[in-house]
């Protein structure tokens, strides 16, 4: 897996160049270690690719889980909105009866009728 060149940070690139320059000095000083160094780098890259693949798999799983949770939240939210009671309309009879009781209290006839 080759990394996308657009996603490499300048700091990482500087470190990689410095590492390569240091390796070049070593290889020039001792060419016999070149084969061992290349082998070590290949193992390191293979390990990094495996770790990257694992991380991407975990990200994919987490994304799927978040999408499922979002779906469930929307469904519960819709259910909760359906459970909210609609505004209730009070009939005119209620207001008429209330006015009659109020006028009865004012007249003093409330105590007599109770």
C-alpha atoms as a PDB file:
ATOM      1  CA  UNK A   1       0.000   0.000   0.000  1.00  0.00           C
ATOM      2  CA  UNK A   2       1.628   3.232  -1.096  1.00  0.00           C
ATOM      3  CA  UNK A   3       0.669   6.307   0.932  1.00  0.00           C
ATOM      4  CA  UNK A   4      -1.126   9.115  -0.826  1.00  0.00           C
ATOM      5  CA  UNK A   5       1.453  11.856  -1.393  1.00  0.00           C
ATOM      6  CA  UNK A   6      -1.148  14.539  -0.682  1.00  0.00           C
ATOM      7  CA  UNK A   7      -1.652  13.259   2.862  1.00  0.00           C
ATOM      8  CA  UNK A   8       2.012  13.332   3.943  1.00  0.00           C
ATOM      9  CA  UNK A   9       2.759  16.069   6.437  1.00  0.00           C
ATOM     10  CA  UNK A  10       5.897  18.173   5.905  1.00  0.00           C
ATOM     11  CA  UNK A  11       7.201  17.157   9.342  1.00  0.00           C
ATOM     12  CA  UNK A  12       6.954  13.478   8.409  1.00  0.00           C
ATOM     13  CA  UNK A  13       8.643  14.140   5.092  1.00  0.00           C
ATOM     14  CA  UNK A  14      11.571  15.948   6.758  1.00  0.00           C
ATOM     15  CA  UNK A  15      12.004  13.053   9.200  1.00  0.00           C
ATOM     16  CA  UNK A  16      11.955  10.521   6.378  1.00  0.00           C
ATOM     17  CA  UNK A  17      14.533  12.481   4.369  1.00  0.00           C
ATOM     18  CA  UNK A  18      16.768  12.822   7.429  1.00  0.00           C
ATOM     19  CA  UNK A  19      16.477   9.091   8.061  1.00  0.00           C
ATOM     20  CA  UNK A  20      17.368   8.300   4.451  1.00  0.00           C
ATOM     21  CA  UNK A  21      20.342  10.650   4.561  1.00  0.00           C
ATOM     22  CA  UNK A  22      21.568   8.989   7.750  1.00  0.00           C
ATOM     23  CA  UNK A  23      21.107   5.570   6.156  1.00  0.00           C
ATOM     24  CA  UNK A  24      23.007   6.684   3.043  1.00  0.00           C
ATOM     25  CA  UNK A  25      25.963   7.712   5.201  1.00  0.00           C
ATOM     26  CA  UNK A  26      25.869   4.293   6.885  1.00  0.00           C
ATOM     27  CA  UNK A  27      25.673   2.465   3.549  1.00  0.00           C
ATOM     28  CA  UNK A  28      28.564   4.388   2.133  1.00  0.00           C
ATOM     29  CA  UNK A  29      30.577   3.579   5.224  1.00  0.00           C
ATOM     30  CA  UNK A  30      29.582  -0.097   5.278  1.00  0.00           C
ATOM     31  CA  UNK A  31      27.867  -1.425   2.095  1.00  0.00           C
ATOM     32  CA  UNK A  32      27.570  -4.919   3.624  1.00  0.00           C
ATOM     33  CA  UNK A  33      24.828  -3.701   5.964  1.00  0.00           C
ATOM     34  CA  UNK A  34      22.753  -2.447   3.051  1.00  0.00           C
ATOM     35  CA  UNK A  35      20.975  -5.784   2.510  1.00  0.00           C
ATOM     36  CA  UNK A  36      20.181  -6.166   6.226  1.00  0.00           C
ATOM     37  CA  UNK A  37      18.918  -2.590   6.422  1.00  0.00           C
ATOM     38  CA  UNK A  38      16.643  -3.052   3.406  1.00  0.00           C
ATOM     39  CA  UNK A  39      15.262  -6.231   4.951  1.00  0.00           C
ATOM     40  CA  UNK A  40      14.591  -4.448   8.234  1.00  0.00           C
ATOM     41  CA  UNK A  41      12.853  -1.598   6.415  1.00  0.00           C
ATOM     42  CA  UNK A  42      10.689  -4.055   4.473  1.00  0.00           C
ATOM     43  CA  UNK A  43       9.595  -5.735   7.725  1.00  0.00           C
ATOM     44  CA  UNK A  44       8.886  -2.364   9.287  1.00  0.00           C
ATOM     45  CA  UNK A  45       6.784  -1.284   6.305  1.00  0.00           C
ATOM     46  CA  UNK A  46       4.874  -4.579   6.355  1.00  0.00           C
ATOM     47  CA  UNK A  47       4.090  -4.065  10.036  1.00  0.00           C
ATOM     48  CA  UNK A  48       2.942  -0.502   9.396  1.00  0.00           C
ATOM     49  CA  UNK A  49       0.717  -1.632   6.526  1.00  0.00           C
ATOM     50  CA  UNK A  50      -0.885  -4.253   8.774  1.00  0.00           C
ATOM     51  CA  UNK A  51      -1.466  -1.663  11.505  1.00  0.00           C
ATOM     52  CA  UNK A  52      -2.930   0.759   8.972  1.00  0.00           C
ATOM     53  CA  UNK A  53      -5.245  -1.931   7.577  1.00  0.00           C
ATOM     54  CA  UNK A  54      -6.408  -2.758  11.120  1.00  0.00           C
ATOM     55  CA  UNK A  55      -7.011   0.924  11.913  1.00  0.00           C
ATOM     56  CA  UNK A  56      -8.994   1.420   8.694  1.00  0.00           C
ATOM     57  CA  UNK A  57     -11.089  -1.643   9.495  1.00  0.00           C
ATOM     58  CA  UNK A  58     -11.842  -0.275  12.963  1.00  0.00           C
ATOM     59  CA  UNK A  59     -12.775   3.116  11.500  1.00  0.00           C
ATOM     60  CA  UNK A  60     -15.143   1.397   9.061  1.00  0.00           C
ATOM     61  CA  UNK A  61     -16.779  -0.567  11.909  1.00  0.00           C
ATOM     62  CA  UNK A  62     -17.134   2.551  14.071  1.00  0.00           C
ATOM     63  CA  UNK A  63     -18.629   4.504  11.177  1.00  0.00           C
ATOM     64  CA  UNK A  64     -21.221   1.782  10.612  1.00  0.00           C
ATOM     65  CA  UNK A  65     -22.032   1.760  14.333  1.00  0.00           C
ATOM     66  CA  UNK A  66     -22.453   5.548  14.408  1.00  0.00           C
ATOM     67  CA  UNK A  67     -24.745   5.446  11.374  1.00  0.00           C
ATOM     68  CA  UNK A  68     -26.888   2.798  13.073  1.00  0.00           C
ATOM     69  CA  UNK A  69     -27.070   4.840  16.281  1.00  0.00           C
ATOM     70  CA  UNK A  70     -28.045   7.949  14.318  1.00  0.00           C
ATOM     71  CA  UNK A  71     -30.827   5.963  12.617  1.00  0.00           C
ATOM     72  CA  UNK A  72     -32.098   4.719  15.994  1.00  0.00           C
ATOM     73  CA  UNK A  73     -32.005   8.232  17.468  1.00  0.00           C
ATOM     74  CA  UNK A  74     -34.035   9.586  14.559  1.00  0.00           C
ATOM     75  CA  UNK A  75     -36.566   6.776  14.959  1.00  0.00           C
ATOM     76  CA  UNK A  76     -36.947   7.331  18.719  1.00  0.00           C
ATOM     77  CA  UNK A  77     -37.188  11.090  18.175  1.00  0.00           C
ATOM     78  CA  UNK A  78     -39.996  10.544  15.667  1.00  0.00           C
ATOM     79  CA  UNK A  79     -41.770   8.254  18.137  1.00  0.00           C
ATOM     80  CA  UNK A  80     -41.421  10.834  20.897  1.00  0.00           C
ATOM     81  CA  UNK A  81     -42.896  13.543  18.676  1.00  0.00           C
ATOM     82  CA  UNK A  82     -45.847  11.274  17.949  1.00  0.00           C
ATOM     83  CA  UNK A  83     -46.395  10.719  21.674  1.00  0.00           C
ATOM     84  CA  UNK A  84     -46.614  14.427  22.446  1.00  0.00           C
ATOM     85  CA  UNK A  85     -50.224  15.361  23.027  1.00  0.00           C
ATOM     86  CA  UNK A  86     -51.805  17.613  20.471  1.00  0.00           C
ATOM     87  CA  UNK A  87     -53.226  20.892  21.711  1.00  0.00           C
ATOM     88  CA  UNK A  88     -56.717  20.266  23.010  1.00  0.00           C
ATOM     89  CA  UNK A  89     -59.638  22.449  22.050  1.00  0.00           C
ATOM     90  CA  UNK A  90     -61.935  23.431  24.892  1.00  0.00           C
ATOM     91  CA  UNK A  91     -65.604  23.414  23.999  1.00  0.00           C
ATOM     92  CA  UNK A  92     -67.774  26.475  24.384  1.00  0.00           C
ATOM     93  CA  UNK A  93     -69.872  24.606  26.957  1.00  0.00           C
ATOM     94  CA  UNK A  94     -66.934  24.676  29.343  1.00  0.00           C
ATOM     95  CA  UNK A  95     -66.740  28.468  29.186  1.00  0.00           C
ATOM     96  CA  UNK A  96     -70.520  28.844  29.535  1.00  0.00           C
ATOM     97  CA  UNK A  97     -70.574  26.615  32.614  1.00  0.00           C
ATOM     98  CA  UNK A  98     -67.582  28.435  34.078  1.00  0.00           C
ATOM     99  CA  UNK A  99     -69.288  31.807  33.592  1.00  0.00           C
ATOM    100  CA  UNK A 100     -72.472  30.527  35.216  1.00  0.00           C
ATOM    101  CA  UNK A 101     -70.549  29.263  38.255  1.00  0.00           C
ATOM    102  CA  UNK A 102     -68.686  32.543  38.538  1.00  0.00           C
ATOM    103  CA  UNK A 103     -71.896  34.553  38.389  1.00  0.00           C
ATOM    104  CA  UNK A 104     -73.482  32.213  40.945  1.00  0.00           C
ATOM    105  CA  UNK A 105     -70.572  32.871  43.313  1.00  0.00           C
ATOM    106  CA  UNK A 106     -70.937  36.587  42.813  1.00  0.00           C
ATOM    107  CA  UNK A 107     -74.700  36.429  43.600  1.00  0.00           C
ATOM    108  CA  UNK A 108     -74.203  34.276  46.651  1.00  0.00           C
ATOM    109  CA  UNK A 109     -76.381  31.560  45.153  1.00  0.00           C
ATOM    110  CA  UNK A 110     -73.361  29.242  44.917  1.00  0.00           C
ATOM    111  CA  UNK A 111     -73.564  28.286  48.580  1.00  0.00           C
ATOM    112  CA  UNK A 112     -77.273  27.623  48.299  1.00  0.00           C
ATOM    113  CA  UNK A 113     -76.946  25.391  45.242  1.00  0.00           C
ATOM    114  CA  UNK A 114     -74.085  23.286  46.609  1.00  0.00           C
END
